[in-house]
């Protein structure tokens, strides 16, 4: 059996994830970094439409920071990856990255929404394929 999960390791200050305009996760605004060990697991298989395109969006808010915050926090504001998990007959599982670990570090402009990460997700054969959608102004 295959399932798809978003594994979140760090959020600072807010992360909102939507899939096909449905909210999957909202960390709410936190003034302290959220570090998840083990990573927070968000299953998304049940929201993926096998016919047509799916749009998975990560919106990041970088709140105000101080030198003390930088010194005592995870250097990455947001850290996640997306995996395809295969489960065998006895309950063991193996994760395969479909979106390798994303580690965003941006302390230059506090109190802004960072450029969102968007992925087009389509079913090809028995698996879903995740392709990053670049903003029109990026190469």
N, C-alpha and C. Protein backbone atom coordinates (compact mmCIF):
# COMPACT_ATOMS: atom_id res chain seq x y z
N UNK A 1 0.83 -1.17 0.00
CA UNK A 1 0.00 0.00 0.00
C UNK A 1 0.88 1.25 0.00
N UNK A 2 0.50 2.26 -0.80
CA UNK A 2 1.24 3.52 -0.85
C UNK A 2 0.39 4.63 -0.26
N UNK A 3 1.05 5.50 0.50
CA UNK A 3 0.40 6.71 0.96
C UNK A 3 1.41 7.86 0.86
N UNK A 4 0.89 9.07 0.81
CA UNK A 4 1.72 10.25 0.67
C UNK A 4 1.57 11.10 1.92
N UNK A 5 2.73 11.55 2.44
CA UNK A 5 2.73 12.33 3.67
C UNK A 5 3.66 13.53 3.53
N UNK A 6 3.29 14.61 4.20
CA UNK A 6 4.18 15.76 4.37
C UNK A 6 4.79 15.60 5.76
N UNK A 7 6.11 15.62 5.82
CA UNK A 7 6.81 15.51 7.10
C UNK A 7 7.41 16.89 7.42
N UNK A 8 6.95 17.51 8.50
CA UNK A 8 7.41 18.85 8.88
C UNK A 8 8.34 18.73 10.07
N UNK A 9 9.53 19.35 9.94
CA UNK A 9 10.51 19.33 11.03
C UNK A 9 10.60 20.66 11.76
N UNK A 10 10.35 21.79 11.06
CA UNK A 10 10.48 23.10 11.71
C UNK A 10 9.54 24.11 11.08
N UNK A 11 8.97 24.98 11.94
CA UNK A 11 8.11 26.07 11.50
C UNK A 11 8.43 27.29 12.36
N UNK A 12 8.69 28.42 11.70
CA UNK A 12 8.97 29.66 12.42
C UNK A 12 8.67 30.81 11.47
N UNK A 13 7.61 31.45 11.53
CA UNK A 13 6.62 31.71 12.54
C UNK A 13 5.25 31.16 12.18
N UNK A 14 4.94 31.03 10.89
CA UNK A 14 3.64 30.48 10.51
C UNK A 14 3.76 29.75 9.17
N UNK A 15 3.09 28.61 9.09
CA UNK A 15 3.05 27.82 7.87
C UNK A 15 1.60 27.40 7.62
N UNK A 16 1.13 27.65 6.40
CA UNK A 16 -0.20 27.22 5.99
C UNK A 16 -0.03 26.34 4.75
N UNK A 17 -0.60 25.14 4.80
CA UNK A 17 -0.51 24.21 3.67
C UNK A 17 -1.93 23.96 3.17
N UNK A 18 -2.11 24.12 1.86
CA UNK A 18 -3.40 23.80 1.25
C UNK A 18 -3.19 22.83 0.10
N UNK A 19 -4.20 22.00 -0.13
CA UNK A 19 -4.20 21.08 -1.26
C UNK A 19 -5.56 21.23 -1.93
N UNK A 20 -5.53 21.66 -3.19
CA UNK A 20 -6.77 21.90 -3.94
C UNK A 20 -7.71 22.84 -3.17
N UNK A 21 -7.12 23.91 -2.63
CA UNK A 21 -7.85 24.94 -1.87
C UNK A 21 -8.47 24.45 -0.56
N UNK A 22 -8.06 23.27 -0.09
CA UNK A 22 -8.51 22.79 1.22
C UNK A 22 -7.33 22.87 2.18
N UNK A 23 -7.57 23.44 3.36
CA UNK A 23 -6.49 23.56 4.33
C UNK A 23 -6.10 22.20 4.87
N UNK A 24 -4.79 21.92 4.78
CA UNK A 24 -4.24 20.67 5.31
C UNK A 24 -3.62 20.93 6.68
N UNK A 25 -3.01 22.12 6.84
CA UNK A 25 -2.31 22.44 8.09
C UNK A 25 -2.17 23.95 8.22
N UNK A 26 -2.33 24.46 9.43
CA UNK A 26 -2.06 25.85 9.76
C UNK A 26 -1.41 25.85 11.13
N UNK A 27 -0.16 26.25 11.20
CA UNK A 27 0.56 26.23 12.47
C UNK A 27 0.08 27.33 13.41
N UNK A 28 -0.72 28.27 12.87
CA UNK A 28 -1.08 29.49 13.60
C UNK A 28 0.22 30.27 13.85
N UNK A 29 0.10 31.49 14.24
CA UNK A 29 1.28 32.33 14.46
C UNK A 29 1.93 31.96 15.78
N UNK A 30 3.19 31.60 15.71
CA UNK A 30 3.95 31.24 16.90
C UNK A 30 5.17 32.15 16.97
N UNK A 31 5.41 32.71 18.14
CA UNK A 31 6.58 33.58 18.30
C UNK A 31 7.80 32.80 18.77
N UNK A 32 7.64 31.51 18.92
CA UNK A 32 8.77 30.63 19.22
C UNK A 32 8.82 29.58 18.13
N UNK A 33 10.00 29.20 17.70
CA UNK A 33 10.11 28.17 16.65
C UNK A 33 9.47 26.86 17.10
N UNK A 34 8.77 26.21 16.18
CA UNK A 34 8.22 24.89 16.44
C UNK A 34 9.16 23.87 15.80
N UNK A 35 9.78 23.07 16.62
CA UNK A 35 10.69 22.03 16.15
C UNK A 35 10.03 20.69 16.44
N UNK A 36 9.83 19.87 15.41
CA UNK A 36 9.16 18.59 15.57
C UNK A 36 10.17 17.46 15.44
N UNK A 37 10.38 16.73 16.52
CA UNK A 37 11.28 15.58 16.53
C UNK A 37 10.58 14.45 17.25
N UNK A 38 10.09 13.43 16.61
CA UNK A 38 10.17 13.19 15.17
C UNK A 38 9.29 14.17 14.40
N UNK A 39 9.48 14.23 13.08
CA UNK A 39 8.70 15.18 12.28
C UNK A 39 7.19 14.97 12.40
N UNK A 40 6.46 16.06 12.31
CA UNK A 40 5.00 16.02 12.25
C UNK A 40 4.61 15.38 10.93
N UNK A 41 3.71 14.38 10.97
CA UNK A 41 3.31 13.65 9.77
C UNK A 41 1.89 14.03 9.37
N UNK A 42 1.74 14.58 8.16
CA UNK A 42 0.44 14.98 7.65
C UNK A 42 0.09 14.11 6.44
N UNK A 43 -0.83 13.15 6.59
CA UNK A 43 -1.22 12.33 5.44
C UNK A 43 -2.05 13.16 4.45
N UNK A 44 -1.76 13.02 3.16
CA UNK A 44 -2.51 13.78 2.14
C UNK A 44 -3.11 12.89 1.06
N UNK A 45 -2.87 11.58 1.12
CA UNK A 45 -3.35 10.68 0.07
C UNK A 45 -4.85 10.82 -0.16
N UNK A 46 -5.61 10.90 0.90
CA UNK A 46 -7.08 10.96 0.79
C UNK A 46 -7.57 12.25 0.13
N UNK A 47 -6.71 13.28 0.03
CA UNK A 47 -7.10 14.55 -0.59
C UNK A 47 -6.65 14.65 -2.06
N UNK A 48 -5.78 13.74 -2.49
CA UNK A 48 -5.27 13.78 -3.86
C UNK A 48 -6.32 13.22 -4.82
N UNK A 49 -6.59 13.96 -5.89
CA UNK A 49 -7.55 13.52 -6.90
C UNK A 49 -6.79 12.75 -7.98
N UNK A 50 -7.16 11.49 -8.22
CA UNK A 50 -6.43 10.70 -9.21
C UNK A 50 -6.61 11.19 -10.64
N UNK A 51 -7.72 11.88 -10.92
CA UNK A 51 -7.96 12.42 -12.26
C UNK A 51 -7.63 13.91 -12.26
N UNK A 52 -6.86 14.35 -13.24
CA UNK A 52 -6.55 15.78 -13.37
C UNK A 52 -5.42 16.24 -12.48
N UNK A 53 -5.33 17.57 -12.33
CA UNK A 53 -4.25 18.20 -11.58
C UNK A 53 -4.65 18.46 -10.13
N UNK A 54 -3.66 18.39 -9.26
CA UNK A 54 -3.80 18.80 -7.86
C UNK A 54 -2.80 19.92 -7.65
N UNK A 55 -3.13 20.87 -6.78
CA UNK A 55 -2.21 21.95 -6.46
C UNK A 55 -1.96 21.95 -4.96
N UNK A 56 -0.71 21.72 -4.58
CA UNK A 56 -0.28 21.71 -3.19
C UNK A 56 0.51 22.99 -2.95
N UNK A 57 0.10 23.80 -1.96
CA UNK A 57 0.71 25.09 -1.72
C UNK A 57 1.19 25.22 -0.27
N UNK A 58 2.41 25.72 -0.12
CA UNK A 58 2.99 26.03 1.19
C UNK A 58 3.16 27.55 1.26
N UNK A 59 2.47 28.19 2.21
CA UNK A 59 2.61 29.63 2.44
C UNK A 59 3.36 29.83 3.75
N UNK A 60 4.40 30.67 3.70
CA UNK A 60 5.30 30.86 4.84
C UNK A 60 5.25 32.32 5.30
N UNK A 61 5.11 32.52 6.60
CA UNK A 61 5.17 33.86 7.17
C UNK A 61 6.38 33.95 8.07
N UNK A 62 7.24 34.92 7.78
CA UNK A 62 8.44 35.15 8.57
C UNK A 62 8.16 36.32 9.51
N UNK A 63 7.94 36.02 10.78
CA UNK A 63 7.63 37.06 11.76
C UNK A 63 8.86 37.82 12.21
N UNK A 64 8.65 38.75 13.12
CA UNK A 64 9.76 39.56 13.66
C UNK A 64 10.74 38.71 14.42
N UNK A 65 12.03 39.02 14.30
CA UNK A 65 13.08 38.28 14.99
C UNK A 65 14.06 39.25 15.62
N UNK A 66 14.79 38.75 16.60
CA UNK A 66 15.85 39.53 17.24
C UNK A 66 17.14 38.71 17.16
N UNK A 67 18.24 39.33 17.51
CA UNK A 67 19.52 38.61 17.51
C UNK A 67 19.45 37.41 18.45
N UNK A 68 18.76 37.55 19.58
CA UNK A 68 18.61 36.44 20.52
C UNK A 68 17.83 35.30 19.89
N UNK A 69 16.77 35.63 19.15
CA UNK A 69 15.98 34.59 18.48
C UNK A 69 16.86 33.79 17.52
N UNK A 70 17.69 34.48 16.75
CA UNK A 70 18.56 33.81 15.78
C UNK A 70 19.55 32.91 16.49
N UNK A 71 20.11 33.40 17.58
CA UNK A 71 21.13 32.65 18.31
C UNK A 71 20.58 31.37 18.92
N UNK A 72 19.30 31.38 19.36
CA UNK A 72 18.75 30.25 20.09
C UNK A 72 17.74 29.43 19.31
N UNK A 73 17.61 29.66 18.04
CA UNK A 73 16.60 28.91 17.29
C UNK A 73 17.23 28.08 16.18
N UNK A 74 16.41 27.23 15.62
CA UNK A 74 16.81 26.47 14.45
C UNK A 74 17.15 27.49 13.36
N UNK A 75 18.28 27.36 12.67
CA UNK A 75 18.62 28.36 11.66
C UNK A 75 17.67 28.36 10.47
N UNK A 76 16.89 27.32 10.32
CA UNK A 76 15.95 27.27 9.21
C UNK A 76 14.56 27.61 9.71
N UNK A 77 13.91 28.55 9.04
CA UNK A 77 12.57 28.93 9.45
C UNK A 77 11.56 27.83 9.14
N UNK A 78 11.76 27.13 8.02
CA UNK A 78 10.82 26.09 7.60
C UNK A 78 11.61 24.92 7.06
N UNK A 79 11.22 23.73 7.50
CA UNK A 79 11.88 22.52 7.01
C UNK A 79 10.83 21.43 6.86
N UNK A 80 10.76 20.87 5.64
CA UNK A 80 9.79 19.81 5.37
C UNK A 80 10.27 18.94 4.22
N UNK A 81 9.62 17.81 4.04
CA UNK A 81 9.80 16.97 2.87
C UNK A 81 8.50 16.23 2.63
N UNK A 82 8.32 15.72 1.42
CA UNK A 82 7.13 14.96 1.09
C UNK A 82 7.58 13.57 0.67
N UNK A 83 6.93 12.55 1.25
CA UNK A 83 7.34 11.18 1.01
C UNK A 83 6.19 10.32 0.50
N UNK A 84 6.58 9.29 -0.25
CA UNK A 84 5.68 8.20 -0.61
C UNK A 84 6.04 7.06 0.34
N UNK A 85 5.09 6.65 1.15
CA UNK A 85 5.34 5.59 2.13
C UNK A 85 4.73 4.29 1.64
N UNK A 86 5.57 3.27 1.53
CA UNK A 86 5.11 1.92 1.17
C UNK A 86 5.09 1.07 2.43
N UNK A 87 3.96 0.39 2.64
CA UNK A 87 3.81 -0.46 3.82
C UNK A 87 3.72 -1.91 3.38
N UNK A 88 4.50 -2.77 4.05
CA UNK A 88 4.46 -4.19 3.68
C UNK A 88 3.39 -4.93 4.47
N UNK A 89 3.28 -6.22 4.23
CA UNK A 89 2.21 -7.04 4.84
C UNK A 89 2.33 -7.16 6.35
N UNK A 90 3.52 -6.95 6.91
CA UNK A 90 3.68 -7.10 8.36
C UNK A 90 3.75 -5.74 9.08
N UNK A 91 3.45 -4.67 8.35
CA UNK A 91 3.35 -3.35 8.97
C UNK A 91 4.61 -2.50 8.92
N UNK A 92 5.68 -3.05 8.35
CA UNK A 92 6.89 -2.24 8.18
C UNK A 92 6.70 -1.24 7.05
N UNK A 93 7.42 -0.13 7.11
CA UNK A 93 7.27 0.83 6.02
C UNK A 93 8.62 1.39 5.57
N UNK A 94 8.59 1.87 4.32
CA UNK A 94 9.77 2.49 3.72
C UNK A 94 9.33 3.80 3.09
N UNK A 95 10.06 4.88 3.37
CA UNK A 95 9.75 6.19 2.82
C UNK A 95 10.68 6.51 1.65
N UNK A 96 10.08 7.02 0.58
CA UNK A 96 10.83 7.48 -0.59
C UNK A 96 10.49 8.95 -0.80
N UNK A 97 11.52 9.80 -0.85
CA UNK A 97 11.27 11.22 -1.07
C UNK A 97 10.68 11.46 -2.45
N UNK A 98 9.54 12.16 -2.50
CA UNK A 98 9.00 12.62 -3.78
C UNK A 98 9.27 14.12 -3.92
N UNK A 99 9.46 14.80 -2.80
CA UNK A 99 10.00 16.16 -2.75
C UNK A 99 11.10 16.12 -1.70
N UNK A 100 12.37 16.25 -2.12
CA UNK A 100 13.46 16.19 -1.16
C UNK A 100 13.32 17.28 -0.10
N UNK A 101 14.05 17.09 0.99
CA UNK A 101 14.00 18.03 2.12
C UNK A 101 14.15 19.47 1.64
N UNK A 102 13.20 20.31 2.05
CA UNK A 102 13.22 21.74 1.75
C UNK A 102 13.56 22.46 3.05
N UNK A 103 14.62 23.26 3.03
CA UNK A 103 15.05 24.00 4.21
C UNK A 103 15.15 25.47 3.83
N UNK A 104 14.19 26.26 4.30
CA UNK A 104 14.16 27.69 3.97
C UNK A 104 14.72 28.50 5.12
N UNK A 105 15.66 29.36 4.78
CA UNK A 105 16.29 30.22 5.78
C UNK A 105 16.21 31.64 5.25
N UNK A 106 15.44 32.47 5.90
CA UNK A 106 15.32 33.86 5.46
C UNK A 106 15.09 34.73 6.67
N UNK A 107 16.12 35.43 7.08
CA UNK A 107 15.99 36.33 8.22
C UNK A 107 16.18 37.78 7.79
N UNK A 108 16.23 38.01 6.48
CA UNK A 108 16.54 39.36 5.99
C UNK A 108 15.36 40.32 6.08
N UNK A 109 14.15 39.82 5.95
CA UNK A 109 12.99 40.70 5.93
C UNK A 109 11.91 40.15 6.87
N UNK A 110 11.97 40.52 8.15
CA UNK A 110 10.94 40.01 9.05
C UNK A 110 9.57 40.61 8.74
N UNK A 111 8.55 39.92 9.21
CA UNK A 111 7.15 40.35 9.10
C UNK A 111 6.67 40.41 7.66
N UNK A 112 7.03 39.41 6.88
CA UNK A 112 6.54 39.33 5.50
C UNK A 112 6.12 37.90 5.19
N UNK A 113 5.28 37.74 4.16
CA UNK A 113 4.99 36.43 3.61
C UNK A 113 6.08 36.13 2.59
N UNK A 114 6.74 34.99 2.72
CA UNK A 114 7.77 34.60 1.76
C UNK A 114 7.11 34.07 0.50
N UNK A 115 7.88 33.96 -0.56
CA UNK A 115 7.37 33.39 -1.81
C UNK A 115 6.86 31.98 -1.54
N UNK A 116 5.60 31.71 -1.86
CA UNK A 116 5.07 30.37 -1.59
C UNK A 116 5.75 29.30 -2.45
N UNK A 117 5.72 28.09 -1.95
CA UNK A 117 6.17 26.93 -2.73
C UNK A 117 4.89 26.23 -3.19
N UNK A 118 4.85 25.94 -4.50
CA UNK A 118 3.68 25.28 -5.06
C UNK A 118 4.13 24.05 -5.84
N UNK A 119 3.31 23.01 -5.74
CA UNK A 119 3.61 21.76 -6.44
C UNK A 119 2.37 21.32 -7.22
N UNK A 120 2.59 20.99 -8.48
CA UNK A 120 1.55 20.36 -9.30
C UNK A 120 1.68 18.86 -9.05
N UNK A 121 0.57 18.21 -8.77
CA UNK A 121 0.60 16.78 -8.45
C UNK A 121 -0.35 16.06 -9.40
N UNK A 122 0.21 15.09 -10.13
CA UNK A 122 -0.59 14.31 -11.09
C UNK A 122 -0.31 12.84 -10.89
N UNK A 123 -1.34 12.05 -11.15
CA UNK A 123 -1.16 10.60 -11.07
C UNK A 123 -0.63 10.10 -12.40
N UNK A 124 0.46 9.33 -12.31
CA UNK A 124 1.05 8.70 -13.49
C UNK A 124 1.22 7.23 -13.17
N UNK A 125 0.43 6.40 -13.79
CA UNK A 125 0.46 4.98 -13.49
C UNK A 125 -0.09 4.75 -12.09
N UNK A 126 0.69 4.09 -11.26
CA UNK A 126 0.26 3.78 -9.89
C UNK A 126 0.72 4.80 -8.86
N UNK A 127 1.47 5.82 -9.28
CA UNK A 127 2.05 6.77 -8.33
C UNK A 127 1.67 8.21 -8.69
N UNK A 128 1.76 9.08 -7.69
CA UNK A 128 1.60 10.51 -7.92
C UNK A 128 2.98 11.13 -8.12
N UNK A 129 3.05 12.09 -9.04
CA UNK A 129 4.30 12.80 -9.34
C UNK A 129 4.14 14.24 -8.89
N UNK A 130 5.11 14.74 -8.12
CA UNK A 130 5.10 16.10 -7.58
C UNK A 130 6.13 16.93 -8.35
N UNK A 131 5.69 18.04 -8.96
CA UNK A 131 6.58 18.94 -9.70
C UNK A 131 6.42 20.35 -9.15
N UNK A 132 7.53 20.97 -8.76
CA UNK A 132 7.45 22.34 -8.25
C UNK A 132 7.02 23.29 -9.37
N UNK A 133 6.12 24.19 -9.04
CA UNK A 133 5.65 25.22 -9.96
C UNK A 133 6.36 26.51 -9.57
N UNK A 134 7.24 26.98 -10.45
CA UNK A 134 7.98 28.21 -10.17
C UNK A 134 7.13 29.43 -10.46
N UNK A 135 7.25 30.48 -9.64
CA UNK A 135 6.54 31.72 -9.97
C UNK A 135 7.01 32.25 -11.34
N UNK A 136 6.15 32.95 -12.03
CA UNK A 136 6.45 33.46 -13.37
C UNK A 136 7.70 34.32 -13.40
N UNK A 137 8.00 35.01 -12.29
CA UNK A 137 9.14 35.92 -12.28
C UNK A 137 10.44 35.24 -11.88
N UNK A 138 10.44 33.91 -11.62
CA UNK A 138 11.67 33.19 -11.30
C UNK A 138 12.04 32.28 -12.45
N UNK A 139 13.33 32.05 -12.60
CA UNK A 139 13.78 31.13 -13.64
C UNK A 139 13.98 29.75 -13.10
